[in-house]
Each structure stands twice: as C-alpha cells, then as structure tokens.
Amino acid sequence: MPESDAIEFHTKIATDFDSKYACNQKFMERYTVWTRIIDKHSNSNFRVLDLGCGTGIFTFYLAERNGSVIGLDGSNEMIKICQSKREHAGVHNVDFITCNISSLANALNEKFDMIICSSVLEYLDDFHKSLNLISSYIKQNGLFIFSMPNKLSLYRRIGPVAFKIIRRPKHYGYVRNIYTLKEIETMLKEFSLDVLESTYYAETPFLSTILRNIGFSRYSDNLFIAVARLSSCGSRSVPTNA
C-alpha cells in the first residue's frame, strides 16, 4: 500500500536512512557540501533550528559548532532515533520535537539565529506560505540555509516523465516544488531574505563530470544549497497558536 505523504514515506525508511551517509555516494556528497556550509556560518553563541531534521545527521553536527539546537521533524520514528542518539552520546545542547512545519506555532515561540532545511522544502504542500512562516522564526540578520531540487538540471526535466512510467525513484511521487535558483531568490525577497551564496551539487553521472568542468553545473547537478540572510526590515513577531 502506498504511503499517504512524504512524512509517512520517510518514516518507513527511517531505520535505513542514517546508514546512507556512510555508504551512498550521493548522501556522502550531500554531507560534504552541507558540513562545509555549516562550518562557515556557525557561531558558538547561535541558537539553531533544524527543520526536517530526519535522523539528526546535521542536528548533531550543528550542536558541535553552535550554542544550542532544536531538531524538528514530522516523523515520530525519525525523532525517536534522534533521541536515542542523544542519550547514547550524552549531548546536552540539543532538543528534538515531533512537529510538521505547518504546525510550528504549536511547538515554538522563539526566534533563531540560524534555520537549516535540508531536502525538505520540495515536499511541502504550500511552498509560499511555508516560506512566510519560516522567515518569521528567523532573528534580524539571521540565516536561512536550505537545499532544493534544481529545475535547470536535465535530469529534473525528464524526472516527471520517467516517474510516470517506472514509478522510480519512489520519493519523487511526493515532491511538490522544483524551482530554479533565480526563482527562489525572487520568492525569498518577498520575505526580506537575500541570498548570500549558493552551490550546485548532487551530480548526474557522466553529465556532471563534463558540465562542471566548463562552468555549467547548473544544468547537470540535481540540487542546490543556498544561504540567505533576513534583513532588519523583515523581522516580525513569531506566530502564536491562538
């Protein structure tokens, strides 16, 4: 029986998800790209929110380099794995919450110096509303670091057609949002978020090898990561669950 949504899908693969960062080339590349960005922008005084934290791979990495971190995920199974890791490692500056992004007001009433969102935004039903909500939890001059599927990628262009025929990869059935970096930059400006830097990654075999060498990775790589800063004029009150 097919899963009803992306959360249920990821719940079913939760126990195998962690191991992919040690043996799957795509996940290993993601780890390298993300940790490099985290290293660059972390601060020992920062309060950080990891939205869609999964099994906590980046949550615990953030905790080593920042003051404190909250990991939030809609999958209770993912959060159980995170809590088990925290207990085993004896980490004291990390908390975990089971919650959907759309229900943030039920779980949080504070702002953060940094919010990260790795491979999550593409699954959200109301992308524009979600960006608006997330931006309200960022402190003035705070950072929003996120990744998204790259619409310019040749693989992404044929992906929907291939999925209709072979129903693979399975997670593609839950993807709702695919944009170009330029499109995302325009949307973020609506919420006073300005992109500071970005990187394309997640190679397409053979194609990326060629196009990266001539400076056209935006047409071969399947994801991009971006770092955006919230300007002072965008700061507003945290939503409350009235």
Protein backbone atom coordinates (compact mmCIF):
# COMPACT_ATOMS: atom_id res chain seq x y z
CA MET A 1 0.00 0.00 0.00
CA PRO A 2 1.48 3.40 -0.97
CA GLU A 3 2.30 5.90 1.76
CA SER A 4 -0.09 8.82 2.11
CA ASP A 5 2.54 11.58 2.23
CA ALA A 6 6.26 12.35 2.42
CA ILE A 7 6.32 12.04 6.21
CA GLU A 8 4.88 8.54 6.13
CA PHE A 9 7.28 7.59 3.34
CA HIS A 10 10.32 8.76 5.30
CA THR A 11 9.02 7.14 8.48
CA LYS A 12 9.11 3.77 6.73
CA ILE A 13 12.75 4.23 5.68
CA ALA A 14 13.91 5.83 8.94
CA THR A 15 15.99 2.89 10.18
CA ASP A 16 17.96 2.71 6.92
CA PHE A 17 18.26 6.46 6.37
CA ASP A 18 21.27 7.03 8.63
CA SER A 19 23.45 4.37 7.02
CA LYS A 20 23.21 6.05 3.63
CA TYR A 21 25.55 8.82 4.78
CA ALA A 22 28.28 6.21 5.23
CA CYS A 23 27.85 4.14 2.07
CA ASN A 24 25.77 6.04 -0.52
CA GLN A 25 27.81 8.33 -2.78
CA LYS A 26 25.00 10.87 -3.19
CA PHE A 27 24.46 11.15 0.54
CA MET A 28 28.19 11.41 1.17
CA GLU A 29 28.40 14.30 -1.28
CA ARG A 30 25.43 15.98 0.42
CA TYR A 31 27.19 15.62 3.78
CA THR A 32 30.37 17.21 2.43
CA VAL A 33 28.53 20.17 0.91
CA TRP A 34 26.31 20.80 3.92
CA THR A 35 29.02 20.48 6.57
CA ARG A 36 31.24 22.89 4.66
CA ILE A 37 28.46 25.49 4.71
CA ILE A 38 27.65 24.81 8.37
CA ASP A 39 31.31 25.24 9.32
CA LYS A 40 31.44 28.58 7.54
CA HIS A 41 28.35 30.12 9.13
CA SER A 42 28.22 28.65 12.64
CA ASN A 43 28.78 30.63 15.81
CA SER A 44 29.25 29.34 19.36
CA ASN A 45 26.51 31.72 20.52
CA PHE A 46 23.91 30.75 17.91
CA ARG A 47 20.55 29.20 18.66
CA VAL A 48 19.76 26.97 15.65
CA LEU A 49 16.66 25.21 14.31
CA ASP A 50 16.98 22.17 12.05
CA LEU A 51 13.66 21.88 10.20
CA GLY A 52 13.03 18.36 8.92
CA CYS A 53 15.98 17.03 10.87
CA GLY A 54 15.45 13.38 9.92
CA THR A 55 17.77 11.17 11.96
CA GLY A 56 19.76 14.18 13.19
CA ILE A 57 22.84 13.94 10.98
CA PHE A 58 23.15 17.71 10.67
CA THR A 59 21.48 18.47 14.01
CA PHE A 60 24.32 16.90 15.98
CA TYR A 61 26.91 18.42 13.65
CA LEU A 62 25.36 21.84 14.31
CA ALA A 63 25.42 21.20 18.05
CA GLU A 64 29.20 20.80 17.99
CA ARG A 65 29.62 24.24 16.43
CA ASN A 66 26.79 26.34 17.85
CA GLY A 67 25.33 27.19 21.24
CA SER A 68 22.18 25.07 21.10
CA VAL A 69 19.99 23.35 18.54
CA ILE A 70 16.41 22.17 18.16
CA GLY A 71 15.73 19.38 15.66
CA LEU A 72 12.16 19.20 14.40
CA ASP A 73 10.62 16.54 12.19
CA GLY A 74 7.12 15.37 11.33
CA SER A 75 8.13 11.71 11.64
CA ASN A 76 7.93 10.39 15.18
CA GLU A 77 10.14 7.45 14.16
CA MET A 78 12.89 9.82 12.99
CA ILE A 79 12.68 11.73 16.28
CA LYS A 80 12.93 8.50 18.29
CA ILE A 81 16.19 7.71 16.51
CA CYS A 82 17.47 11.23 17.27
CA GLN A 83 16.59 10.92 20.96
CA SER A 84 18.32 7.55 21.18
CA LYS A 85 21.46 9.06 19.62
CA ARG A 86 21.38 12.00 22.04
CA GLU A 87 21.10 9.70 25.05
CA HIS A 88 23.89 7.46 23.81
CA ALA A 89 26.23 10.37 23.03
CA GLY A 90 25.38 12.38 26.15
CA VAL A 91 24.74 15.56 24.15
CA HIS A 92 23.10 18.27 26.28
CA ASN A 93 22.59 21.23 23.93
CA VAL A 94 20.11 19.53 21.58
CA ASP A 95 16.35 19.07 21.88
CA PHE A 96 14.02 17.26 19.50
CA ILE A 97 10.35 17.90 18.70
CA THR A 98 7.89 15.92 16.59
CA CYS A 99 6.02 18.53 14.56
CA ASN A 100 5.11 19.45 10.98
CA ILE A 101 6.43 22.73 9.61
CA SER A 102 2.84 23.90 9.09
CA SER A 103 2.26 23.50 12.85
CA LEU A 104 5.31 25.40 14.10
CA ALA A 105 3.17 27.77 16.16
CA ASN A 106 2.07 24.80 18.27
CA ALA A 107 5.66 23.93 19.18
CA LEU A 108 7.85 27.05 19.10
CA ASN A 109 7.59 30.62 20.32
CA GLU A 110 11.13 31.88 19.81
CA LYS A 111 13.36 33.14 17.02
CA PHE A 112 16.63 31.60 15.86
CA ASP A 113 19.99 32.88 14.67
CA MET A 114 20.07 30.17 12.02
CA ILE A 115 17.49 27.84 10.49
CA ILE A 116 18.51 24.99 8.20
CA CYS A 117 16.26 22.91 5.96
CA SER A 118 17.92 20.05 4.07
CA SER A 119 15.86 18.38 1.32
CA VAL A 120 12.52 19.23 2.91
CA LEU A 121 11.02 22.25 1.14
CA GLU A 122 10.31 20.28 -2.02
CA TYR A 123 7.73 18.16 -0.16
CA LEU A 124 5.65 20.99 1.32
CA ASP A 125 2.11 21.46 0.02
CA ASP A 126 2.02 25.27 0.30
CA PHE A 127 5.51 26.47 -0.54
CA HIS A 128 4.84 30.22 -0.40
CA LYS A 129 3.01 30.02 2.92
CA SER A 130 5.78 27.84 4.37
CA LEU A 131 8.50 30.34 3.41
CA ASN A 132 6.50 33.10 5.05
CA LEU A 133 6.13 31.06 8.22
CA ILE A 134 9.78 30.00 8.37
CA SER A 135 11.00 33.57 7.88
CA SER A 136 9.02 34.69 10.93
CA TYR A 137 11.20 32.43 13.12
CA ILE A 138 14.50 33.98 11.97
CA LYS A 139 16.12 36.70 14.05
CA GLN A 140 17.01 40.03 12.49
CA ASN A 141 20.11 39.43 10.32
CA GLY A 142 19.72 35.69 10.97
CA LEU A 143 20.43 32.99 8.39
CA PHE A 144 18.26 30.56 6.45
CA ILE A 145 20.23 27.70 4.86
CA PHE A 146 18.30 25.32 2.63
CA SER A 147 18.53 22.95 -0.30
CA MET A 148 16.11 22.43 -3.19
CA PRO A 149 15.82 20.34 -6.37
CA ASN A 150 17.38 22.19 -9.29
CA LYS A 151 14.80 22.81 -12.02
CA LEU A 152 17.51 23.57 -14.59
CA SER A 153 19.00 20.11 -14.25
CA LEU A 154 18.43 17.94 -17.31
CA TYR A 155 17.62 15.04 -15.01
CA ARG A 156 14.88 17.06 -13.32
CA ARG A 157 13.32 17.78 -16.68
CA ILE A 158 12.90 14.13 -17.56
CA GLY A 159 12.21 13.02 -13.98
CA PRO A 160 8.42 13.51 -14.02
CA VAL A 161 8.08 11.57 -17.28
CA ALA A 162 10.28 8.71 -16.05
CA PHE A 163 8.38 8.50 -12.77
CA LYS A 164 5.06 8.12 -14.56
CA ILE A 165 6.47 5.17 -16.49
CA ILE A 166 8.57 3.25 -13.95
CA ARG A 167 7.42 4.83 -10.63
CA ARG A 168 11.04 5.36 -9.59
CA PRO A 169 12.63 6.88 -7.63
CA LYS A 170 9.81 6.37 -5.15
CA HIS A 171 10.32 9.61 -3.23
CA TYR A 172 9.64 11.56 -6.44
CA GLY A 173 5.94 10.85 -6.01
CA TYR A 174 5.88 13.18 -3.00
CA VAL A 175 7.83 16.08 -4.49
CA ARG A 176 5.68 19.20 -4.85
CA ASN A 177 8.17 22.00 -5.51
CA ILE A 178 11.01 22.28 -8.01
CA TYR A 179 12.45 25.71 -8.85
CA THR A 180 15.45 27.39 -10.35
CA LEU A 181 17.78 29.27 -8.04
CA LYS A 182 16.68 32.54 -9.65
CA GLU A 183 13.03 31.75 -8.97
CA ILE A 184 13.82 31.02 -5.33
CA GLU A 185 15.81 34.24 -4.97
CA THR A 186 12.81 36.22 -6.22
CA MET A 187 10.43 34.48 -3.80
CA LEU A 188 12.74 35.00 -0.83
CA LYS A 189 12.91 38.73 -1.45
CA GLU A 190 9.19 38.88 -0.67
CA PHE A 191 10.12 37.92 2.89
CA SER A 192 13.20 40.17 3.11
CA LEU A 193 15.57 37.24 2.65
CA ASP A 194 18.60 37.90 0.44
CA VAL A 195 20.73 35.05 -0.90
CA LEU A 196 24.38 35.45 0.11
CA GLU A 197 25.81 32.38 -1.60
CA SER A 198 24.76 29.19 -3.35
CA THR A 199 26.26 25.96 -4.68
CA TYR A 200 25.00 23.29 -7.09
CA TYR A 201 25.61 19.66 -6.12
CA ALA A 202 24.26 16.09 -6.45
CA GLU A 203 25.87 15.01 -9.67
CA THR A 204 24.31 13.30 -12.63
CA PRO A 205 26.72 10.53 -13.72
CA PHE A 206 28.88 11.48 -16.73
CA LEU A 207 26.92 14.68 -17.40
CA SER A 208 28.15 16.48 -14.28
CA THR A 209 31.74 15.49 -14.98
CA ILE A 210 31.58 17.29 -18.31
CA LEU A 211 29.48 20.33 -17.42
CA ARG A 212 31.17 21.06 -14.08
CA ASN A 213 34.50 21.37 -15.85
CA ILE A 214 33.17 24.11 -18.15
CA GLY A 215 31.21 26.01 -15.50
CA PHE A 216 27.70 24.77 -16.32
CA SER A 217 26.92 22.63 -13.25
CA ARG A 218 23.53 24.35 -13.02
CA TYR A 219 22.42 22.21 -15.96
CA SER A 220 23.73 18.90 -14.62
CA ASP A 221 23.62 18.91 -10.82
CA ASN A 222 20.30 17.95 -9.29
CA LEU A 223 20.25 20.09 -6.14
CA PHE A 224 21.40 23.47 -4.93
CA ILE A 225 22.09 24.81 -1.46
CA ALA A 226 21.64 28.48 -0.65
CA VAL A 227 22.39 30.74 2.31
CA ALA A 228 20.03 33.68 2.81
CA ARG A 229 20.05 36.47 5.39
CA LEU A 230 16.97 38.16 6.86
CA SER A 231 17.26 41.93 6.65
CA SER A 232 16.17 44.14 9.53
CA CYS A 233 13.02 45.26 7.73
CA GLY A 234 11.83 41.65 7.55
CA SER A 235 11.86 40.98 11.29
CA ARG A 236 8.39 40.41 12.76
CA SER A 237 6.65 38.65 15.61
CA VAL A 238 6.69 34.89 15.98
CA PRO A 239 3.27 33.39 15.17
CA THR A 240 1.21 32.19 18.11
CA ASN A 241 -1.41 29.48 18.22
CA ALA A 242 -4.41 31.49 19.33
